[in-house]
N, C-alpha and C. Protein backbone atom coordinates (compact mmCIF):
# COMPACT_ATOMS: atom_id res chain seq x y z
N MET A 1 0.57 -1.23 0.05
CA MET A 1 -0.11 -0.23 -0.23
C MET A 1 0.86 1.19 -0.19
N PHE A 2 0.30 2.29 -0.63
CA PHE A 2 1.18 3.44 -0.58
C PHE A 2 0.26 4.63 -0.46
N THR A 3 0.78 5.69 -0.19
CA THR A 3 -0.01 6.94 -0.29
C THR A 3 0.63 8.13 -1.27
N ILE A 4 0.06 9.41 -1.73
CA ILE A 4 0.87 10.38 -2.12
C ILE A 4 0.33 11.54 -2.09
N GLU A 5 0.81 12.52 -1.36
CA GLU A 5 0.59 13.89 -0.89
C GLU A 5 1.32 14.85 -1.58
N HIS A 6 0.75 15.88 -2.08
CA HIS A 6 1.53 17.04 -2.68
C HIS A 6 1.22 18.33 -1.87
N ASP A 7 2.59 18.64 -1.23
CA ASP A 7 2.85 19.64 -0.34
C ASP A 7 3.29 20.63 -1.24
N PHE A 8 3.60 21.96 -0.62
CA PHE A 8 3.94 23.23 -1.50
C PHE A 8 5.28 22.83 -2.21
N ASP A 9 6.06 22.27 -1.50
CA ASP A 9 7.36 22.61 -2.43
C ASP A 9 7.88 20.90 -2.60
N ALA A 10 6.78 19.75 -2.34
CA ALA A 10 7.54 18.41 -2.57
C ALA A 10 6.11 17.50 -2.75
N THR A 11 6.51 16.53 -3.28
CA THR A 11 5.62 15.24 -3.52
C THR A 11 5.87 14.25 -2.44
N VAL A 12 5.26 13.91 -1.50
CA VAL A 12 5.37 12.73 -0.31
C VAL A 12 4.72 11.69 -0.73
N ILE A 13 5.61 10.52 -0.79
CA ILE A 13 4.97 9.11 -1.29
C ILE A 13 5.41 8.43 0.21
N THR A 14 4.32 7.57 0.64
CA THR A 14 4.69 7.08 1.88
C THR A 14 4.37 5.56 1.38
N LEU A 15 5.37 4.43 1.43
CA LEU A 15 5.30 2.92 1.02
C LEU A 15 4.70 2.52 2.51
N ILE A 16 3.99 1.55 2.61
CA ILE A 16 3.41 1.06 3.69
C ILE A 16 3.78 -0.49 3.80
N ASP A 17 4.41 -1.15 4.68
CA ASP A 17 4.68 -2.52 4.37
C ASP A 17 3.60 -3.20 4.83
N GLU A 18 2.98 -4.26 4.18
CA GLU A 18 2.11 -5.13 4.48
C GLU A 18 2.38 -6.32 4.45
N ALA A 19 1.94 -7.40 5.21
CA ALA A 19 2.20 -8.77 4.97
C ALA A 19 0.99 -9.47 5.80
N GLY A 20 0.64 -10.64 5.35
CA GLY A 20 -0.26 -11.42 6.07
C GLY A 20 0.30 -11.86 7.67
N PRO A 21 -0.77 -12.41 8.09
CA PRO A 21 -0.40 -12.62 9.60
C PRO A 21 0.76 -13.84 9.60
N ASN A 22 1.43 -13.72 10.46
CA ASN A 22 2.57 -14.72 10.63
C ASN A 22 3.73 -15.27 9.43
N THR A 23 3.51 -13.99 8.56
CA THR A 23 4.42 -14.33 7.17
C THR A 23 6.04 -13.86 7.14
N ARG A 24 6.13 -12.57 7.87
CA ARG A 24 7.42 -11.97 8.30
C ARG A 24 7.01 -10.61 9.03
N PRO A 25 8.37 -10.25 9.61
CA PRO A 25 8.16 -9.13 10.39
C PRO A 25 7.75 -8.06 9.41
N LEU A 26 7.00 -7.06 9.94
CA LEU A 26 7.13 -5.53 9.03
C LEU A 26 8.07 -4.91 9.01
N ASN A 27 8.75 -4.28 7.89
CA ASN A 27 9.69 -3.06 7.91
C ASN A 27 8.87 -1.55 8.42
N GLU A 28 9.57 -0.84 8.59
CA GLU A 28 9.32 0.41 8.85
C GLU A 28 8.81 1.01 7.73
N ASP A 29 7.45 2.18 7.71
CA ASP A 29 7.10 2.78 6.36
C ASP A 29 8.31 3.52 5.94
N VAL A 30 8.38 3.47 4.37
CA VAL A 30 9.53 4.37 3.50
C VAL A 30 8.52 5.87 3.30
N VAL A 31 9.28 6.75 3.59
CA VAL A 31 8.64 8.54 3.06
C VAL A 31 9.63 8.54 2.13
N ILE A 32 9.10 8.97 0.83
CA ILE A 32 9.85 9.45 -0.14
C ILE A 32 9.35 11.14 -0.42
N LEU A 33 10.34 11.78 -0.46
CA LEU A 33 10.08 13.63 -0.54
C LEU A 33 10.75 13.73 -1.82
N SER A 34 10.00 14.15 -3.03
CA SER A 34 10.11 14.28 -4.22
C SER A 34 10.44 16.06 -4.33
N PHE A 35 11.52 16.66 -4.58
CA PHE A 35 11.53 17.80 -4.84
C PHE A 35 11.83 18.31 -5.96
N ASP A 36 12.33 19.34 -6.76
CA ASP A 36 12.70 19.73 -7.99
C ASP A 36 14.09 19.33 -8.48
N ASP A 37 15.16 19.38 -7.16
CA ASP A 37 16.29 18.77 -7.53
C ASP A 37 16.80 17.79 -6.91
N ARG A 38 15.92 17.14 -6.12
CA ARG A 38 16.38 16.04 -5.41
C ARG A 38 15.15 15.10 -4.85
N VAL A 39 15.94 13.88 -4.55
CA VAL A 39 14.75 13.01 -3.81
C VAL A 39 15.29 12.65 -2.51
N ILE A 40 14.46 12.44 -1.47
CA ILE A 40 14.86 12.24 -0.01
C ILE A 40 14.26 10.97 0.34
N LEU A 41 14.93 9.85 0.84
CA LEU A 41 14.35 8.57 1.27
C LEU A 41 14.47 8.70 2.87
N GLU A 42 13.30 8.45 3.70
CA GLU A 42 13.28 8.61 4.97
C GLU A 42 12.80 7.20 5.71
N GLN A 43 13.38 6.35 6.45
CA GLN A 43 12.95 5.36 7.30
C GLN A 43 13.37 5.62 8.53
N MET A 44 12.50 5.19 9.60
CA MET A 44 12.81 5.15 11.09
C MET A 44 13.75 4.04 11.09
N SER A 45 14.73 4.10 11.92
CA SER A 45 15.75 2.80 12.22
C SER A 45 14.92 1.70 12.83
N GLU A 46 15.61 0.64 13.13
CA GLU A 46 14.99 -0.56 13.41
C GLU A 46 14.83 -0.38 15.38
N ASP A 47 15.64 0.45 15.75
CA ASP A 47 15.52 0.71 17.14
C ASP A 47 14.39 1.94 17.67
N GLY A 48 14.00 2.56 16.34
CA GLY A 48 13.12 3.63 16.33
C GLY A 48 13.23 4.69 17.10
N GLU A 49 14.59 4.96 16.87
CA GLU A 49 15.63 6.39 17.69
C GLU A 49 15.44 7.42 16.99
N GLU A 50 15.90 7.01 15.58
CA GLU A 50 16.23 8.14 14.63
C GLU A 50 15.73 7.89 13.12
N VAL A 51 15.39 8.77 12.58
CA VAL A 51 15.06 8.71 11.15
C VAL A 51 16.40 8.73 10.12
N VAL A 52 16.28 7.62 9.38
CA VAL A 52 17.55 7.61 8.59
C VAL A 52 17.09 8.31 7.12
N ARG A 53 17.98 8.83 6.92
CA ARG A 53 17.71 9.61 5.50
C ARG A 53 18.78 9.68 4.54
N ILE A 54 18.37 9.41 2.99
CA ILE A 54 19.12 9.18 2.03
C ILE A 54 18.58 10.31 1.04
N SER A 55 19.52 10.99 0.57
CA SER A 55 19.34 11.99 -0.48
C SER A 55 19.90 11.86 -1.80
N LEU A 56 19.24 11.81 -2.81
CA LEU A 56 19.54 11.54 -3.98
C LEU A 56 19.47 12.42 -5.38
N SER A 57 20.33 12.94 -5.67
CA SER A 57 20.15 14.12 -7.01
C SER A 57 19.24 13.10 -7.96
N MET A 58 18.92 14.15 -8.76
CA MET A 58 17.89 13.71 -9.68
C MET A 58 18.66 12.90 -10.93
N HIS A 59 19.90 13.23 -11.10
CA HIS A 59 21.01 12.24 -12.09
C HIS A 59 21.07 10.89 -11.24
N GLN A 60 21.30 10.91 -9.99
CA GLN A 60 21.48 9.44 -9.16
C GLN A 60 20.02 8.69 -9.21
N LEU A 61 18.78 9.52 -9.37
CA LEU A 61 17.69 8.60 -9.13
C LEU A 61 17.43 8.26 -10.53
N THR A 62 18.01 9.01 -11.84
CA THR A 62 17.81 8.29 -13.10
C THR A 62 18.55 7.04 -13.05
N GLU A 63 19.90 7.17 -12.67
CA GLU A 63 20.78 5.99 -12.79
C GLU A 63 20.22 4.82 -12.05
N LEU A 64 19.80 5.33 -10.69
CA LEU A 64 18.92 4.07 -9.97
C LEU A 64 17.85 3.42 -10.83
N ARG A 65 17.01 4.38 -11.70
CA ARG A 65 15.91 3.64 -12.09
C ARG A 65 16.19 3.10 -13.54
N LEU A 66 17.69 3.37 -14.08
CA LEU A 66 18.04 2.33 -15.13
C LEU A 66 18.72 1.31 -14.71
N ALA A 67 19.21 1.17 -13.58
CA ALA A 67 20.13 0.03 -13.01
C ALA A 67 19.01 -0.93 -12.75
N LEU A 68 18.01 -0.50 -12.20
CA LEU A 68 16.85 -1.72 -11.76
C LEU A 68 16.55 -2.66 -13.16
N ASN A 69 16.98 -2.29 -14.33
CA ASN A 69 16.32 -2.87 -15.49
C ASN A 69 17.67 -3.66 -16.47
N LEU A 70 18.75 -3.25 -15.88
CA LEU A 70 20.14 -3.83 -16.49
C LEU A 70 20.82 -4.90 -15.76
N PRO A 71 21.62 -5.76 -16.60
CA PRO A 71 22.29 -6.77 -16.02
C PRO A 71 23.45 -6.18 -15.23
N GLU A 72 24.11 -7.46 -14.46
CA GLU A 72 25.27 -6.80 -13.76
C GLU A 72 26.31 -6.26 -14.48
N GLY A 73 27.34 -5.36 -14.13
CA GLY A 73 28.23 -4.39 -14.96
C GLY A 73 28.48 -3.22 -14.56
N ASN A 74 29.29 -2.47 -15.04
CA ASN A 74 29.35 -1.11 -14.86
C ASN A 74 29.02 -0.43 -15.98
N TYR A 75 28.37 0.96 -15.69
CA TYR A 75 27.72 1.61 -16.68
C TYR A 75 28.12 3.14 -16.55
N ARG A 76 28.21 3.80 -17.40
CA ARG A 76 28.04 5.08 -17.15
C ARG A 76 27.00 6.10 -17.76
N ILE A 77 26.08 7.11 -17.59
CA ILE A 77 25.00 7.51 -18.47
C ILE A 77 25.95 8.81 -19.38
N GLU A 78 26.01 8.99 -20.48
CA GLU A 78 26.59 10.32 -20.88
C GLU A 78 25.22 10.97 -21.33
N LYS A 79 25.29 12.41 -21.29
CA LYS A 79 24.41 13.27 -21.33
C LYS A 79 24.50 13.69 -22.79
N ARG A 80 23.45 13.94 -23.43
CA ARG A 80 23.38 14.21 -24.79
C ARG A 80 22.94 15.64 -24.89
N ASP A 81 23.91 16.36 -25.85
CA ASP A 81 23.50 17.72 -26.02
C ASP A 81 22.49 18.11 -27.18
């Protein structure tokens, strides 16, 4: 399950972990904040004491999107003018 909210300067997507009873432990929700120039992923630490935050530039996000569909190897994205 997930939710999408549009704030003034960001789109906020929350990924909510769901599982059937007794199938596996649930993970903390993942919150994705999408801005014009970056994307931030947040998740509560396992001990519940702090929010772990990862910030990706739009270029890094593009590389991640492409990497999910490529076989093992090393790649470089060349920008075309």
